[in-house]
Amino acid sequence: TVTQEQLSAALPTIPTDRLRRTLQELCDHHVLVRVGTSEWRFASLLFQRWLALNSVAEG
């Protein structure tokens, strides 16, 4: 999962309102799932696993 604070820190040039709208749009299109009040994760477990494996491989 990722929090809005983490995303804001990683994307400092994107205004908070725009980030919030983008997250909502991704949820509306079933790309993300809202986990808490300000946490999201990818809807696809397969993509989550792929991302985790590739993040470890690059790190």
PDB file of N, CA and C in Angstrom:
ATOM      1  N   THR A   1       0.842  -1.183   0.000  1.00  0.00           N
ATOM      2  CA  THR A   1       0.000   0.000   0.000  1.00  0.00           C
ATOM      3  C   THR A   1       0.883   1.241   0.000  1.00  0.00           C
ATOM      4  N   VAL A   2       0.300   2.323  -0.400  1.00  0.00           N
ATOM      5  CA  VAL A   2       0.995   3.606  -0.411  1.00  0.00           C
ATOM      6  C   VAL A   2       0.034   4.666   0.119  1.00  0.00           C
ATOM      7  N   THR A   3       0.574   5.597   0.875  1.00  0.00           N
ATOM      8  CA  THR A   3      -0.265   6.661   1.425  1.00  0.00           C
ATOM      9  C   THR A   3      -0.199   7.890   0.525  1.00  0.00           C
ATOM     10  N   GLN A   4      -1.167   8.750   0.695  1.00  0.00           N
ATOM     11  CA  GLN A   4      -1.175   9.993  -0.071  1.00  0.00           C
ATOM     12  C   GLN A   4       0.038  10.841   0.300  1.00  0.00           C
ATOM     13  N   GLU A   5       0.466  10.784   1.541  1.00  0.00           N
ATOM     14  CA  GLU A   5       1.638  11.538   1.970  1.00  0.00           C
ATOM     15  C   GLU A   5       2.887  11.049   1.241  1.00  0.00           C
ATOM     16  N   GLN A   6       3.020   9.726   1.093  1.00  0.00           N
ATOM     17  CA  GLN A   6       4.166   9.171   0.372  1.00  0.00           C
ATOM     18  C   GLN A   6       4.145   9.598  -1.093  1.00  0.00           C
ATOM     19  N   LEU A   7       2.962   9.549  -1.696  1.00  0.00           N
ATOM     20  CA  LEU A   7       2.843   9.964  -3.093  1.00  0.00           C
ATOM     21  C   LEU A   7       3.155  11.447  -3.248  1.00  0.00           C
ATOM     22  N   SER A   8       2.654  12.266  -2.344  1.00  0.00           N
ATOM     23  CA  SER A   8       2.919  13.708  -2.404  1.00  0.00           C
ATOM     24  C   SER A   8       4.415  13.995  -2.281  1.00  0.00           C
ATOM     25  N   ALA A   9       5.085  13.255  -1.407  1.00  0.00           N
ATOM     26  CA  ALA A   9       6.526  13.447  -1.235  1.00  0.00           C
ATOM     27  C   ALA A   9       7.299  13.013  -2.485  1.00  0.00           C
ATOM     28  N   ALA A  10       6.843  11.940  -3.127  1.00  0.00           N
ATOM     29  CA  ALA A  10       7.516  11.434  -4.325  1.00  0.00           C
ATOM     30  C   ALA A  10       7.196  12.260  -5.569  1.00  0.00           C
ATOM     31  N   LEU A  11       6.070  12.968  -5.538  1.00  0.00           N
ATOM     32  CA  LEU A  11       5.614  13.765  -6.685  1.00  0.00           C
ATOM     33  C   LEU A  11       5.375  15.214  -6.257  1.00  0.00           C
ATOM     34  N   PRO A  12       6.415  15.914  -5.845  1.00  0.00           N
ATOM     35  CA  PRO A  12       6.228  17.249  -5.260  1.00  0.00           C
ATOM     36  C   PRO A  12       5.672  18.307  -6.212  1.00  0.00           C
ATOM     37  N   THR A  13       5.759  18.097  -7.505  1.00  0.00           N
ATOM     38  CA  THR A  13       5.271  19.110  -8.450  1.00  0.00           C
ATOM     39  C   THR A  13       3.792  18.950  -8.781  1.00  0.00           C
ATOM     40  N   ILE A  14       3.170  17.890  -8.282  1.00  0.00           N
ATOM     41  CA  ILE A  14       1.746  17.665  -8.548  1.00  0.00           C
ATOM     42  C   ILE A  14       0.930  18.222  -7.384  1.00  0.00           C
ATOM     43  N   PRO A  15       0.020  19.149  -7.659  1.00  0.00           N
ATOM     44  CA  PRO A  15      -0.812  19.718  -6.592  1.00  0.00           C
ATOM     45  C   PRO A  15      -1.656  18.642  -5.897  1.00  0.00           C
ATOM     46  N   THR A  16      -1.894  18.834  -4.614  1.00  0.00           N
ATOM     47  CA  THR A  16      -2.637  17.869  -3.804  1.00  0.00           C
ATOM     48  C   THR A  16      -4.006  17.557  -4.387  1.00  0.00           C
ATOM     49  N   ASP A  17      -4.729  18.569  -4.838  1.00  0.00           N
ATOM     50  CA  ASP A  17      -6.060  18.339  -5.411  1.00  0.00           C
ATOM     51  C   ASP A  17      -5.993  17.476  -6.659  1.00  0.00           C
ATOM     52  N   ARG A  18      -4.997  17.737  -7.497  1.00  0.00           N
ATOM     53  CA  ARG A  18      -4.848  16.931  -8.719  1.00  0.00           C
ATOM     54  C   ARG A  18      -4.502  15.490  -8.374  1.00  0.00           C
ATOM     55  N   LEU A  19      -3.628  15.283  -7.409  1.00  0.00           N
ATOM     56  CA  LEU A  19      -3.263  13.937  -6.978  1.00  0.00           C
ATOM     57  C   LEU A  19      -4.488  13.204  -6.447  1.00  0.00           C
ATOM     58  N   ARG A  20      -5.275  13.877  -5.634  1.00  0.00           N
ATOM     59  CA  ARG A  20      -6.485  13.282  -5.070  1.00  0.00           C
ATOM     60  C   ARG A  20      -7.465  12.880  -6.179  1.00  0.00           C
ATOM     61  N   ARG A  21      -7.650  13.761  -7.160  1.00  0.00           N
ATOM     62  CA  ARG A  21      -8.551  13.452  -8.289  1.00  0.00           C
ATOM     63  C   ARG A  21      -8.036  12.270  -9.108  1.00  0.00           C
ATOM     64  N   THR A  22      -6.734  12.233  -9.319  1.00  0.00           N
ATOM     65  CA  THR A  22      -6.136  11.138 -10.087  1.00  0.00           C
ATOM     66  C   THR A  22      -6.306   9.812  -9.359  1.00  0.00           C
ATOM     67  N   LEU A  23      -6.088   9.805  -8.061  1.00  0.00           N
ATOM     68  CA  LEU A  23      -6.279   8.585  -7.278  1.00  0.00           C
ATOM     69  C   LEU A  23      -7.729   8.118  -7.350  1.00  0.00           C
ATOM     70  N   GLN A  24      -8.665   9.055  -7.257  1.00  0.00           N
ATOM     71  CA  GLN A  24     -10.080   8.704  -7.343  1.00  0.00           C
ATOM     72  C   GLN A  24     -10.415   8.132  -8.719  1.00  0.00           C
ATOM     73  N   GLU A  25      -9.873   8.737  -9.754  1.00  0.00           N
ATOM     74  CA  GLU A  25     -10.127   8.250 -11.115  1.00  0.00           C
ATOM     75  C   GLU A  25      -9.566   6.841 -11.307  1.00  0.00           C
ATOM     76  N   LEU A  26      -8.386   6.583 -10.769  1.00  0.00           N
ATOM     77  CA  LEU A  26      -7.809   5.241 -10.856  1.00  0.00           C
ATOM     78  C   LEU A  26      -8.649   4.227 -10.084  1.00  0.00           C
ATOM     79  N   CYS A  27      -9.234   4.640  -8.980  1.00  0.00           N
ATOM     80  CA  CYS A  27     -10.164   3.764  -8.247  1.00  0.00           C
ATOM     81  C   CYS A  27     -11.427   3.523  -9.065  1.00  0.00           C
ATOM     82  N   ASP A  28     -11.945   4.569  -9.690  1.00  0.00           N
ATOM     83  CA  ASP A  28     -13.152   4.442 -10.509  1.00  0.00           C
ATOM     84  C   ASP A  28     -12.950   3.473 -11.668  1.00  0.00           C
ATOM     85  N   HIS A  29     -11.716   3.387 -12.170  1.00  0.00           N
ATOM     86  CA  HIS A  29     -11.397   2.500 -13.292  1.00  0.00           C
ATOM     87  C   HIS A  29     -10.840   1.153 -12.826  1.00  0.00           C
ATOM     88  N   HIS A  30     -10.926   0.897 -11.523  1.00  0.00           N
ATOM     89  CA  HIS A  30     -10.527  -0.385 -10.929  1.00  0.00           C
ATOM     90  C   HIS A  30      -9.041  -0.697 -11.106  1.00  0.00           C
ATOM     91  N   VAL A  31      -8.227   0.346 -11.163  1.00  0.00           N
ATOM     92  CA  VAL A  31      -6.784   0.172 -11.211  1.00  0.00           C
ATOM     93  C   VAL A  31      -6.239   0.133  -9.784  1.00  0.00           C
ATOM     94  N   LEU A  32      -6.784   1.008  -8.934  1.00  0.00           N
ATOM     95  CA  LEU A  32      -6.414   1.065  -7.522  1.00  0.00           C
ATOM     96  C   LEU A  32      -7.613   0.722  -6.656  1.00  0.00           C
ATOM     97  N   VAL A  33      -7.312   0.289  -5.438  1.00  0.00           N
ATOM     98  CA  VAL A  33      -8.335   0.043  -4.420  1.00  0.00           C
ATOM     99  C   VAL A  33      -7.952   0.878  -3.209  1.00  0.00           C
ATOM    100  N   ARG A  34      -8.925   1.599  -2.691  1.00  0.00           N
ATOM    101  CA  ARG A  34      -8.673   2.390  -1.478  1.00  0.00           C
ATOM    102  C   ARG A  34      -8.728   1.445  -0.287  1.00  0.00           C
ATOM    103  N   VAL A  35      -7.654   1.448   0.503  1.00  0.00           N
ATOM    104  CA  VAL A  35      -7.537   0.526   1.633  1.00  0.00           C
ATOM    105  C   VAL A  35      -7.946   1.193   2.935  1.00  0.00           C
ATOM    106  N   GLY A  36      -7.623   2.443   3.098  1.00  0.00           N
ATOM    107  CA  GLY A  36      -7.966   3.189   4.302  1.00  0.00           C
ATOM    108  C   GLY A  36      -8.416   4.579   3.910  1.00  0.00           C
ATOM    109  N   THR A  37      -8.354   5.494   4.849  1.00  0.00           N
ATOM    110  CA  THR A  37      -8.790   6.852   4.528  1.00  0.00           C
ATOM    111  C   THR A  37      -7.846   7.531   3.549  1.00  0.00           C
ATOM    112  N   SER A  38      -6.564   7.177   3.591  1.00  0.00           N
ATOM    113  CA  SER A  38      -5.621   7.767   2.633  1.00  0.00           C
ATOM    114  C   SER A  38      -4.541   6.769   2.221  1.00  0.00           C
ATOM    115  N   GLU A  39      -4.964   5.514   1.988  1.00  0.00           N
ATOM    116  CA  GLU A  39      -4.045   4.479   1.510  1.00  0.00           C
ATOM    117  C   GLU A  39      -4.650   3.776   0.316  1.00  0.00           C
ATOM    118  N   TRP A  40      -3.784   3.435  -0.655  1.00  0.00           N
ATOM    119  CA  TRP A  40      -4.232   2.755  -1.860  1.00  0.00           C
ATOM    120  C   TRP A  40      -3.298   1.600  -2.170  1.00  0.00           C
ATOM    121  N   ARG A  41      -3.818   0.646  -2.938  1.00  0.00           N
ATOM    122  CA  ARG A  41      -3.014  -0.450  -3.469  1.00  0.00           C
ATOM    123  C   ARG A  41      -3.547  -0.767  -4.856  1.00  0.00           C
ATOM    124  N   PHE A  42      -2.724  -1.458  -5.648  1.00  0.00           N
ATOM    125  CA  PHE A  42      -3.182  -1.865  -6.969  1.00  0.00           C
ATOM    126  C   PHE A  42      -4.268  -2.914  -6.827  1.00  0.00           C
ATOM    127  N   ALA A  43      -5.272  -2.850  -7.666  1.00  0.00           N
ATOM    128  CA  ALA A  43      -6.390  -3.789  -7.611  1.00  0.00           C
ATOM    129  C   ALA A  43      -5.958  -5.190  -8.023  1.00  0.00           C
ATOM    130  N   SER A  44      -5.045  -5.296  -8.962  1.00  0.00           N
ATOM    131  CA  SER A  44      -4.600  -6.588  -9.479  1.00  0.00           C
ATOM    132  C   SER A  44      -3.508  -7.175  -8.591  1.00  0.00           C
ATOM    133  N   LEU A  45      -3.769  -8.339  -8.020  1.00  0.00           N
ATOM    134  CA  LEU A  45      -2.752  -9.007  -7.205  1.00  0.00           C
ATOM    135  C   LEU A  45      -1.560  -9.409  -8.057  1.00  0.00           C
ATOM    136  N   LEU A  46      -1.822  -9.795  -9.304  1.00  0.00           N
ATOM    137  CA  LEU A  46      -0.736 -10.165 -10.207  1.00  0.00           C
ATOM    138  C   LEU A  46       0.207  -8.978 -10.417  1.00  0.00           C
ATOM    139  N   PHE A  47      -0.349  -7.799 -10.649  1.00  0.00           N
ATOM    140  CA  PHE A  47       0.493  -6.619 -10.839  1.00  0.00           C
ATOM    141  C   PHE A  47       1.234  -6.271  -9.554  1.00  0.00           C
ATOM    142  N   GLN A  48       0.589  -6.436  -8.413  1.00  0.00           N
ATOM    143  CA  GLN A  48       1.258  -6.169  -7.135  1.00  0.00           C
ATOM    144  C   GLN A  48       2.482  -7.056  -6.990  1.00  0.00           C
ATOM    145  N   ARG A  49       2.328  -8.342  -7.320  1.00  0.00           N
ATOM    146  CA  ARG A  49       3.454  -9.284  -7.214  1.00  0.00           C
ATOM    147  C   ARG A  49       4.558  -8.928  -8.200  1.00  0.00           C
ATOM    148  N   TRP A  50       4.168  -8.595  -9.438  1.00  0.00           N
ATOM    149  CA  TRP A  50       5.150  -8.221 -10.452  1.00  0.00           C
ATOM    150  C   TRP A  50       5.936  -6.998  -9.995  1.00  0.00           C
ATOM    151  N   LEU A  51       5.227  -6.000  -9.483  1.00  0.00           N
ATOM    152  CA  LEU A  51       5.868  -4.777  -9.023  1.00  0.00           C
ATOM    153  C   LEU A  51       6.820  -5.067  -7.863  1.00  0.00           C
ATOM    154  N   ALA A  52       6.389  -5.901  -6.932  1.00  0.00           N
ATOM    155  CA  ALA A  52       7.238  -6.250  -5.789  1.00  0.00           C
ATOM    156  C   ALA A  52       8.504  -6.968  -6.255  1.00  0.00           C
ATOM    157  N   LEU A  53       8.365  -7.905  -7.172  1.00  0.00           N
ATOM    158  CA  LEU A  53       9.528  -8.638  -7.674  1.00  0.00           C
ATOM    159  C   LEU A  53      10.483  -7.720  -8.423  1.00  0.00           C
ATOM    160  N   ASN A  54       9.957  -6.852  -9.247  1.00  0.00           N
ATOM    161  CA  ASN A  54      10.808  -5.959 -10.029  1.00  0.00           C
ATOM    162  C   ASN A  54      11.426  -4.865  -9.169  1.00  0.00           C
ATOM    163  N   SER A  55      10.750  -4.447  -8.132  1.00  0.00           N
ATOM    164  CA  SER A  55      11.314  -3.445  -7.225  1.00  0.00           C
ATOM    165  C   SER A  55      12.507  -4.024  -6.478  1.00  0.00           C
ATOM    166  N   VAL A  56      12.388  -5.289  -6.067  1.00  0.00           N
ATOM    167  CA  VAL A  56      13.481  -5.956  -5.361  1.00  0.00           C
ATOM    168  C   VAL A  56      14.655  -6.172  -6.312  1.00  0.00           C
ATOM    169  N   ALA A  57      14.359  -6.570  -7.552  1.00  0.00           N
ATOM    170  CA  ALA A  57      15.413  -6.828  -8.531  1.00  0.00           C
ATOM    171  C   ALA A  57      16.197  -5.562  -8.865  1.00  0.00           C
ATOM    172  N   GLU A  58      15.516  -4.424  -8.913  1.00  0.00           N
ATOM    173  CA  GLU A  58      16.182  -3.165  -9.239  1.00  0.00           C
ATOM    174  C   GLU A  58      16.947  -2.593  -8.055  1.00  0.00           C
ATOM    175  N   GLY A  59      16.478  -2.892  -6.835  1.00  0.00           N
ATOM    176  CA  GLY A  59      17.082  -2.312  -5.635  1.00  0.00           C
ATOM    177  C   GLY A  59      18.323  -2.980  -5.270  1.00  0.00           C
TER     178      GLY A  59
END
